[in-house]
Amino acid sequence: IEVIKVPLATPAEARIVSRPRVFADSTTGANNAL
């Protein structure tokens, strides 16, 4: 998925700050449960 950070005072500066690989194992990095 993508995560967008939106500064409330300057929303025009909204940008993607991370792209979590939501199926990834936090230890090995492998994608699980697919």
Full PDB file with SEQRES, HELIX, SHEET, SSBOND, CRYST1, ORIGX, SCALE, CONECT and MASTER records, all heavy atoms in Angstrom:
SEQRES   1 A   34  ILE GLU VAL ILE LYS VAL PRO LEU ALA THR PRO ALA GLU          
SEQRES   2 A   34  ALA ARG ILE VAL SER ARG PRO ARG VAL PHE ALA ASP SER          
SEQRES   3 A   34  THR THR GLY ALA ASN ASN ALA LEU                              
HELIX    1 AA1 PRO A   11  GLU A   13  5                                   3    
SHEET    1 AA1 2 VAL A   3  LYS A   5  0                                        
SHEET    2 AA1 2 ARG A  15  SER A  18 -1                                        
CRYST1    1.000    1.000    1.000  90.00  90.00  90.00 P 1           1          
ORIGX1      1.000000  0.000000  0.000000        0.00000                         
ORIGX2      0.000000  1.000000  0.000000        0.00000                         
ORIGX3      0.000000  0.000000  1.000000        0.00000                         
SCALE1      1.000000  0.000000  0.000000        0.00000                         
SCALE2      0.000000  1.000000  0.000000        0.00000                         
SCALE3      0.000000  0.000000  1.000000        0.00000                         
ATOM      1  N   ILE A   1       0.856  -1.171   0.000  1.00  0.00           N  
ATOM      2  CA  ILE A   1       0.000   0.000   0.000  1.00  0.00           C  
ATOM      3  C   ILE A   1       0.899   1.230   0.000  1.00  0.00           C  
ATOM      4  O   ILE A   1       2.129   1.111   0.125  1.00  0.00           O  
ATOM      5  CB  ILE A   1      -0.934   0.036   1.229  1.00  0.00           C  
ATOM      6  CG1 ILE A   1      -0.126   0.101   2.534  1.00  0.00           C  
ATOM      7  CG2 ILE A   1      -1.871  -1.170   1.231  1.00  0.00           C  
ATOM      8  CD1 ILE A   1      -0.979   0.252   3.778  1.00  0.00           C  
ATOM      9  N   GLU A   2       0.310   2.422  -0.168  1.00  0.00           N  
ATOM     10  CA  GLU A   2       1.073   3.672  -0.068  1.00  0.00           C  
ATOM     11  C   GLU A   2       0.569   4.467   1.131  1.00  0.00           C  
ATOM     12  O   GLU A   2      -0.622   4.416   1.463  1.00  0.00           O  
ATOM     13  CB  GLU A   2       0.923   4.529  -1.329  1.00  0.00           C  
ATOM     14  CG  GLU A   2       1.775   4.088  -2.505  1.00  0.00           C  
ATOM     15  CD  GLU A   2       1.059   3.092  -3.397  1.00  0.00           C  
ATOM     16  OE1 GLU A   2      -0.176   2.929  -3.242  1.00  0.00           O  
ATOM     17  OE2 GLU A   2       1.728   2.473  -4.235  1.00  0.00           O  
ATOM     18  N   VAL A   3       1.457   5.213   1.754  1.00  0.00           N  
ATOM     19  CA  VAL A   3       1.094   6.104   2.849  1.00  0.00           C  
ATOM     20  C   VAL A   3       1.481   7.525   2.458  1.00  0.00           C  
ATOM     21  O   VAL A   3       2.643   7.798   2.141  1.00  0.00           O  
ATOM     22  CB  VAL A   3       1.795   5.713   4.160  1.00  0.00           C  
ATOM     23  CG1 VAL A   3       1.416   6.698   5.272  1.00  0.00           C  
ATOM     24  CG2 VAL A   3       1.422   4.294   4.562  1.00  0.00           C  
ATOM     25  N   ILE A   4       0.494   8.416   2.468  1.00  0.00           N  
ATOM     26  CA  ILE A   4       0.701   9.814   2.095  1.00  0.00           C  
ATOM     27  C   ILE A   4       0.668  10.673   3.357  1.00  0.00           C  
ATOM     28  O   ILE A   4      -0.251  10.557   4.173  1.00  0.00           O  
ATOM     29  CB  ILE A   4      -0.398  10.302   1.122  1.00  0.00           C  
ATOM     30  CG1 ILE A   4      -0.378   9.472  -0.160  1.00  0.00           C  
ATOM     31  CG2 ILE A   4      -0.231  11.781   0.809  1.00  0.00           C  
ATOM     32  CD1 ILE A   4      -1.576   9.738  -1.071  1.00  0.00           C  
ATOM     33  N   LYS A   5       1.673  11.520   3.517  1.00  0.00           N  
ATOM     34  CA  LYS A   5       1.674  12.489   4.615  1.00  0.00           C  
ATOM     35  C   LYS A   5       1.151  13.819   4.100  1.00  0.00           C  
ATOM     36  O   LYS A   5       1.618  14.331   3.079  1.00  0.00           O  
ATOM     37  CB  LYS A   5       3.083  12.664   5.181  1.00  0.00           C  
ATOM     38  CG  LYS A   5       3.155  13.636   6.351  1.00  0.00           C  
ATOM     39  CD  LYS A   5       4.566  13.744   6.912  1.00  0.00           C  
ATOM     40  CE  LYS A   5       4.620  14.702   8.099  1.00  0.00           C  
ATOM     41  NZ  LYS A   5       5.981  14.798   8.673  1.00  0.00           N  
ATOM     42  N   VAL A   6       0.162  14.367   4.814  1.00  0.00           N  
ATOM     43  CA  VAL A   6      -0.451  15.635   4.406  1.00  0.00           C  
ATOM     44  C   VAL A   6      -0.249  16.675   5.503  1.00  0.00           C  
ATOM     45  O   VAL A   6      -0.873  16.590   6.573  1.00  0.00           O  
ATOM     46  CB  VAL A   6      -1.958  15.472   4.132  1.00  0.00           C  
ATOM     47  CG1 VAL A   6      -2.547  16.782   3.614  1.00  0.00           C  
ATOM     48  CG2 VAL A   6      -2.219  14.342   3.148  1.00  0.00           C  
ATOM     49  N   PRO A   7       0.616  17.672   5.311  1.00  0.00           N  
ATOM     50  CA  PRO A   7       0.721  18.773   6.278  1.00  0.00           C  
ATOM     51  C   PRO A   7      -0.570  19.599   6.217  1.00  0.00           C  
ATOM     52  O   PRO A   7      -0.922  20.119   5.150  1.00  0.00           O  
ATOM     53  CB  PRO A   7       1.925  19.577   5.773  1.00  0.00           C  
ATOM     54  CG  PRO A   7       2.625  18.677   4.794  1.00  0.00           C  
ATOM     55  CD  PRO A   7       1.572  17.814   4.202  1.00  0.00           C  
ATOM     56  N   LEU A   8      -1.277  19.710   7.321  1.00  0.00           N  
ATOM     57  CA  LEU A   8      -2.596  20.337   7.305  1.00  0.00           C  
ATOM     58  C   LEU A   8      -2.536  21.817   6.937  1.00  0.00           C  
ATOM     59  O   LEU A   8      -3.455  22.341   6.309  1.00  0.00           O  
ATOM     60  CB  LEU A   8      -3.271  20.152   8.657  1.00  0.00           C  
ATOM     61  CG  LEU A   8      -3.564  18.697   9.037  1.00  0.00           C  
ATOM     62  CD1 LEU A   8      -4.170  18.616  10.424  1.00  0.00           C  
ATOM     63  CD2 LEU A   8      -4.491  18.043   8.008  1.00  0.00           C  
ATOM     64  N   ALA A   9      -1.462  22.488   7.292  1.00  0.00           N  
ATOM     65  CA  ALA A   9      -1.335  23.909   6.973  1.00  0.00           C  
ATOM     66  C   ALA A   9      -0.941  24.138   5.521  1.00  0.00           C  
ATOM     67  O   ALA A   9      -1.251  25.187   4.935  1.00  0.00           O  
ATOM     68  CB  ALA A   9      -0.317  24.576   7.897  1.00  0.00           C  
ATOM     69  N   THR A  10      -0.254  23.142   4.927  1.00  0.00           N  
ATOM     70  CA  THR A  10       0.199  23.259   3.532  1.00  0.00           C  
ATOM     71  C   THR A  10      -0.094  21.960   2.786  1.00  0.00           C  
ATOM     72  O   THR A  10       0.832  21.223   2.424  1.00  0.00           O  
ATOM     73  CB  THR A  10       1.709  23.576   3.475  1.00  0.00           C  
ATOM     74  OG1 THR A  10       2.419  22.573   4.246  1.00  0.00           O  
ATOM     75  CG2 THR A  10       2.001  24.954   4.039  1.00  0.00           C  
ATOM     76  N   PRO A  11      -1.356  21.638   2.561  1.00  0.00           N  
ATOM     77  CA  PRO A  11      -1.706  20.356   1.943  1.00  0.00           C  
ATOM     78  C   PRO A  11      -1.141  20.164   0.547  1.00  0.00           C  
ATOM     79  O   PRO A  11      -1.018  19.024   0.074  1.00  0.00           O  
ATOM     80  CB  PRO A  11      -3.242  20.378   1.928  1.00  0.00           C  
ATOM     81  CG  PRO A  11      -3.603  21.827   2.031  1.00  0.00           C  
ATOM     82  CD  PRO A  11      -2.543  22.455   2.867  1.00  0.00           C  
ATOM     83  N   ALA A  12      -0.783  21.246  -0.123  1.00  0.00           N  
ATOM     84  CA  ALA A  12      -0.178  21.127  -1.452  1.00  0.00           C  
ATOM     85  C   ALA A  12       1.148  20.385  -1.399  1.00  0.00           C  
ATOM     86  O   ALA A  12       1.629  19.895  -2.428  1.00  0.00           O  
ATOM     87  CB  ALA A  12       0.016  22.507  -2.072  1.00  0.00           C  
ATOM     88  N   GLU A  13       1.736  20.265  -0.207  1.00  0.00           N  
ATOM     89  CA  GLU A  13       3.004  19.559  -0.047  1.00  0.00           C  
ATOM     90  C   GLU A  13       2.817  18.080   0.271  1.00  0.00           C  
ATOM     91  O   GLU A  13       3.778  17.381   0.611  1.00  0.00           O  
ATOM     92  CB  GLU A  13       3.822  20.226   1.064  1.00  0.00           C  
ATOM     93  CG  GLU A  13       4.196  21.677   0.764  1.00  0.00           C  
ATOM     94  CD  GLU A  13       4.918  22.342   1.915  1.00  0.00           C  
ATOM     95  OE1 GLU A  13       5.241  21.638   2.907  1.00  0.00           O  
ATOM     96  OE2 GLU A  13       5.162  23.559   1.839  1.00  0.00           O  
ATOM     97  N   ALA A  14       1.594  17.579   0.160  1.00  0.00           N  
ATOM     98  CA  ALA A  14       1.318  16.162   0.420  1.00  0.00           C  
ATOM     99  C   ALA A  14       2.181  15.284  -0.475  1.00  0.00           C  
ATOM    100  O   ALA A  14       2.367  15.572  -1.666  1.00  0.00           O  
ATOM    101  CB  ALA A  14      -0.153  15.857   0.177  1.00  0.00           C  
ATOM    102  N   ARG A  15       2.710  14.199   0.104  1.00  0.00           N  
ATOM    103  CA  ARG A  15       3.577  13.309  -0.671  1.00  0.00           C  
ATOM    104  C   ARG A  15       3.583  11.915  -0.043  1.00  0.00           C  
ATOM    105  O   ARG A  15       3.262  11.744   1.134  1.00  0.00           O  
ATOM    106  CB  ARG A  15       5.006  13.842  -0.713  1.00  0.00           C  
ATOM    107  CG  ARG A  15       5.666  13.941   0.642  1.00  0.00           C  
ATOM    108  CD  ARG A  15       7.035  14.611   0.583  1.00  0.00           C  
ATOM    109  NE  ARG A  15       7.658  14.691   1.897  1.00  0.00           N  
ATOM    110  CZ  ARG A  15       8.427  13.734   2.417  1.00  0.00           C  
ATOM    111  NH1 ARG A  15       8.674  12.615   1.715  1.00  0.00           N  
ATOM    112  NH2 ARG A  15       8.957  13.861   3.616  1.00  0.00           N  
ATOM    113  N   ILE A  16       3.964  10.934  -0.847  1.00  0.00           N  
ATOM    114  CA  ILE A  16       4.102   9.568  -0.347  1.00  0.00           C  
ATOM    115  C   ILE A  16       5.356   9.487   0.509  1.00  0.00           C  
ATOM    116  O   ILE A  16       6.433   9.896   0.080  1.00  0.00           O  
ATOM    117  CB  ILE A  16       4.179   8.562  -1.509  1.00  0.00           C  
ATOM    118  CG1 ILE A  16       2.858   8.549  -2.291  1.00  0.00           C  
ATOM    119  CG2 ILE A  16       4.485   7.156  -0.995  1.00  0.00           C  
ATOM    120  CD1 ILE A  16       2.891   7.681  -3.542  1.00  0.00           C  
ATOM    121  N   VAL A  17       5.204   8.957   1.737  1.00  0.00           N  
ATOM    122  CA  VAL A  17       6.355   8.852   2.634  1.00  0.00           C  
ATOM    123  C   VAL A  17       6.765   7.399   2.880  1.00  0.00           C  
ATOM    124  O   VAL A  17       7.856   7.135   3.380  1.00  0.00           O  
ATOM    125  CB  VAL A  17       6.077   9.548   3.985  1.00  0.00           C  
ATOM    126  CG1 VAL A  17       5.985  11.048   3.790  1.00  0.00           C  
ATOM    127  CG2 VAL A  17       4.811   8.999   4.640  1.00  0.00           C  
ATOM    128  N   SER A  18       5.915   6.445   2.546  1.00  0.00           N  
ATOM    129  CA  SER A  18       6.299   5.036   2.675  1.00  0.00           C  
ATOM    130  C   SER A  18       5.394   4.167   1.826  1.00  0.00           C  
ATOM    131  O   SER A  18       4.284   4.576   1.443  1.00  0.00           O  
ATOM    132  CB  SER A  18       6.246   4.573   4.138  1.00  0.00           C  
ATOM    133  OG  SER A  18       4.919   4.564   4.614  1.00  0.00           O  
ATOM    134  N   ARG A  19       5.887   2.977   1.522  1.00  0.00           N  
ATOM    135  CA  ARG A  19       5.136   2.002   0.726  1.00  0.00           C  
ATOM    136  C   ARG A  19       5.221   0.645   1.433  1.00  0.00           C  
ATOM    137  O   ARG A  19       5.954  -0.236   0.992  1.00  0.00           O  
ATOM    138  CB  ARG A  19       5.696   1.921  -0.698  1.00  0.00           C  
ATOM    139  CG  ARG A  19       5.544   3.216  -1.498  1.00  0.00           C  
ATOM    140  CD  ARG A  19       6.159   3.081  -2.880  1.00  0.00           C  
ATOM    141  NE  ARG A  19       5.887   4.246  -3.707  1.00  0.00           N  
ATOM    142  CZ  ARG A  19       6.591   5.365  -3.707  1.00  0.00           C  
ATOM    143  NH1 ARG A  19       7.649   5.472  -2.900  1.00  0.00           N  
ATOM    144  NH2 ARG A  19       6.274   6.375  -4.501  1.00  0.00           N  
ATOM    145  N   PRO A  20       4.492   0.481   2.514  1.00  0.00           N  
ATOM    146  CA  PRO A  20       4.592  -0.768   3.294  1.00  0.00           C  
ATOM    147  C   PRO A  20       4.214  -1.994   2.463  1.00  0.00           C  
ATOM    148  O   PRO A  20       3.177  -2.018   1.808  1.00  0.00           O  
ATOM    149  CB  PRO A  20       3.587  -0.555   4.430  1.00  0.00           C  
ATOM    150  CG  PRO A  20       3.386   0.919   4.503  1.00  0.00           C  
ATOM    151  CD  PRO A  20       3.536   1.426   3.109  1.00  0.00           C  
ATOM    152  N   ARG A  21       5.077  -3.003   2.511  1.00  0.00           N  
ATOM    153  CA  ARG A  21       4.777  -4.272   1.861  1.00  0.00           C  
ATOM    154  C   ARG A  21       4.009  -5.099   2.888  1.00  0.00           C  
ATOM    155  O   ARG A  21       4.581  -5.799   3.716  1.00  0.00           O  
ATOM    156  CB  ARG A  21       6.067  -4.944   1.393  1.00  0.00           C  
ATOM    157  CG  ARG A  21       6.802  -4.098   0.349  1.00  0.00           C  
ATOM    158  CD  ARG A  21       8.069  -4.755  -0.141  1.00  0.00           C  
ATOM    159  NE  ARG A  21       7.815  -6.007  -0.829  1.00  0.00           N  
ATOM    160  CZ  ARG A  21       7.333  -6.106  -2.074  1.00  0.00           C  
ATOM    161  NH1 ARG A  21       7.037  -5.013  -2.762  1.00  0.00           N  
ATOM    162  NH2 ARG A  21       7.137  -7.284  -2.631  1.00  0.00           N  
ATOM    163  N   VAL A  22       2.690  -4.993   2.806  1.00  0.00           N  
ATOM    164  CA  VAL A  22       1.831  -5.432   3.908  1.00  0.00           C  
ATOM    165  C   VAL A  22       1.821  -6.942   4.114  1.00  0.00           C  
ATOM    166  O   VAL A  22       1.349  -7.410   5.154  1.00  0.00           O  
ATOM    167  CB  VAL A  22       0.386  -4.929   3.702  1.00  0.00           C  
ATOM    168  CG1 VAL A  22       0.358  -3.416   3.714  1.00  0.00           C  
ATOM    169  CG2 VAL A  22      -0.198  -5.457   2.386  1.00  0.00           C  
ATOM    170  N   PHE A  23       2.318  -7.711   3.162  1.00  0.00           N  
ATOM    171  CA  PHE A  23       2.361  -9.156   3.336  1.00  0.00           C  
ATOM    172  C   PHE A  23       3.732  -9.632   3.812  1.00  0.00           C  
ATOM    173  O   PHE A  23       3.972 -10.825   3.918  1.00  0.00           O  
ATOM    174  CB  PHE A  23       2.034  -9.873   2.024  1.00  0.00           C  
ATOM    175  CG  PHE A  23       0.644  -9.588   1.522  1.00  0.00           C  
ATOM    176  CD1 PHE A  23       0.454  -8.727   0.453  1.00  0.00           C  
ATOM    177  CD2 PHE A  23      -0.457 -10.170   2.118  1.00  0.00           C  
ATOM    178  CE1 PHE A  23      -0.821  -8.469  -0.023  1.00  0.00           C  
ATOM    179  CE2 PHE A  23      -1.730  -9.908   1.648  1.00  0.00           C  
ATOM    180  CZ  PHE A  23      -1.920  -9.053   0.581  1.00  0.00           C  
ATOM    181  N   ALA A  24       4.640  -8.701   4.074  1.00  0.00           N  
ATOM    182  CA  ALA A  24       6.018  -9.083   4.363  1.00  0.00           C  
ATOM    183  C   ALA A  24       6.201  -9.536   5.804  1.00  0.00           C  
ATOM    184  O   ALA A  24       5.634  -8.955   6.729  1.00  0.00           O  
ATOM    185  CB  ALA A  24       6.957  -7.918   4.078  1.00  0.00           C  
ATOM    186  N   ASP A  25       7.020 -10.552   5.983  1.00  0.00           N  
ATOM    187  CA  ASP A  25       7.418 -10.993   7.306  1.00  0.00           C  
ATOM    188  C   ASP A  25       8.393  -9.961   7.884  1.00  0.00           C  
ATOM    189  O   ASP A  25       9.380  -9.603   7.239  1.00  0.00           O  
ATOM    190  CB  ASP A  25       8.092 -12.364   7.238  1.00  0.00           C  
ATOM    191  CG  ASP A  25       8.468 -12.899   8.599  1.00  0.00           C  
ATOM    192  OD1 ASP A  25       9.479 -12.412   9.150  1.00  0.00           O  
ATOM    193  OD2 ASP A  25       7.769 -13.803   9.096  1.00  0.00           O  
ATOM    194  N   SER A  26       8.100  -9.461   9.089  1.00  0.00           N  
ATOM    195  CA  SER A  26       8.904  -8.381   9.646  1.00  0.00           C  
ATOM    196  C   SER A  26      10.346  -8.786   9.922  1.00  0.00           C  
ATOM    197  O   SER A  26      11.230  -7.933  10.012  1.00  0.00           O  
ATOM    198  CB  SER A  26       8.262  -7.879  10.951  1.00  0.00           C  
ATOM    199  OG  SER A  26       8.176  -8.932  11.898  1.00  0.00           O  
ATOM    200  N   THR A  27      10.604 -10.089  10.040  1.00  0.00           N  
ATOM    201  CA  THR A  27      11.963 -10.562  10.340  1.00  0.00           C  
ATOM    202  C   THR A  27      12.741 -10.917   9.086  1.00  0.00           C  
ATOM    203  O   THR A  27      13.871 -10.458   8.877  1.00  0.00           O  
ATOM    204  CB  THR A  27      11.919 -11.789  11.264  1.00  0.00           C  
ATOM    205  OG1 THR A  27      11.218 -11.447  12.464  1.00  0.00           O  
ATOM    206  CG2 THR A  27      13.325 -12.262  11.605  1.00  0.00           C  
ATOM    207  N   THR A  28      12.120 -11.707   8.219  1.00  0.00           N  
ATOM    208  CA  THR A  28      12.832 -12.200   7.032  1.00  0.00           C  
ATOM    209  C   THR A  28      12.623 -11.353   5.796  1.00  0.00           C  
ATOM    210  O   THR A  28      13.390 -11.423   4.852  1.00  0.00           O  
ATOM    211  CB  THR A  28      12.384 -13.638   6.712  1.00  0.00           C  
ATOM    212  OG1 THR A  28      10.994 -13.618   6.313  1.00  0.00           O  
ATOM    213  CG2 THR A  28      12.536 -14.533   7.927  1.00  0.00           C  
ATOM    214  N   GLY A  29      11.548 -10.565   5.787  1.00  0.00           N  
ATOM    215  CA  GLY A  29      11.239  -9.785   4.598  1.00  0.00           C  
ATOM    216  C   GLY A  29      10.474 -10.558   3.553  1.00  0.00           C  
ATOM    217  O   GLY A  29      10.013 -10.002   2.558  1.00  0.00           O  
ATOM    218  N   ALA A  30      10.300 -11.859   3.777  1.00  0.00           N  
ATOM    219  CA  ALA A  30       9.551 -12.683   2.831  1.00  0.00           C  
ATOM    220  C   ALA A  30       8.067 -12.366   2.923  1.00  0.00           C  
ATOM    221  O   ALA A  30       7.558 -11.992   3.974  1.00  0.00           O  
ATOM    222  CB  ALA A  30       9.780 -14.167   3.132  1.00  0.00           C  
ATOM    223  N   ASN A  31       7.382 -12.492   1.784  1.00  0.00           N  
ATOM    224  CA  ASN A  31       5.946 -12.249   1.775  1.00  0.00           C  
ATOM    225  C   ASN A  31       5.207 -13.513   2.196  1.00  0.00           C  
ATOM    226  O   ASN A  31       5.338 -14.565   1.574  1.00  0.00           O  
ATOM    227  CB  ASN A  31       5.490 -11.809   0.382  1.00  0.00           C  
ATOM    228  CG  ASN A  31       5.911 -10.393   0.096  1.00  0.00           C  
ATOM    229  OD1 ASN A  31       7.073 -10.138  -0.135  1.00  0.00           O  
ATOM    230  ND2 ASN A  31       4.969  -9.471   0.140  1.00  0.00           N  
ATOM    231  N   ASN A  32       4.433 -13.394   3.250  1.00  0.00           N  
ATOM    232  CA  ASN A  32       3.739 -14.546   3.808  1.00  0.00           C  
ATOM    233  C   ASN A  32       2.239 -14.480   3.525  1.00  0.00           C  
ATOM    234  O   ASN A  32       1.689 -13.439   3.181  1.00  0.00           O  
ATOM    235  CB  ASN A  32       3.960 -14.611   5.322  1.00  0.00           C  
ATOM    236  CG  ASN A  32       5.417 -14.825   5.671  1.00  0.00           C  
ATOM    237  OD1 ASN A  32       6.146 -15.472   4.925  1.00  0.00           O  
ATOM    238  ND2 ASN A  32       5.845 -14.276   6.787  1.00  0.00           N  
ATOM    239  N   ALA A  33       1.592 -15.603   3.729  1.00  0.00           N  
ATOM    240  CA  ALA A  33       0.132 -15.711   3.672  1.00  0.00           C  
ATOM    241  C   ALA A  33      -0.443 -15.304   2.321  1.00  0.00           C  
ATOM    242  O   ALA A  33      -1.565 -14.842   2.222  1.00  0.00           O  
ATOM    243  CB  ALA A  33      -0.514 -14.867   4.775  1.00  0.00           C  
ATOM    244  N   LEU A  34       0.329 -15.460   1.273  1.00  0.00           N  
ATOM    245  CA  LEU A  34      -0.152 -15.084  -0.054  1.00  0.00           C  
ATOM    246  C   LEU A  34      -0.895 -16.246  -0.704  1.00  0.00           C  
ATOM    247  O   LEU A  34      -0.458 -17.398  -0.643  1.00  0.00           O  
ATOM    248  CB  LEU A  34       1.018 -14.687  -0.959  1.00  0.00           C  
ATOM    249  CG  LEU A  34       1.657 -13.330  -0.661  1.00  0.00           C  
ATOM    250  CD1 LEU A  34       2.873 -13.133  -1.537  1.00  0.00           C  
ATOM    251  CD2 LEU A  34       0.661 -12.221  -0.869  1.00  0.00           C  
TER     252      LEU A  34                                                      
MASTER        0    0    0    1    2    0    0    6  251    1    0    3          
END                                                                             
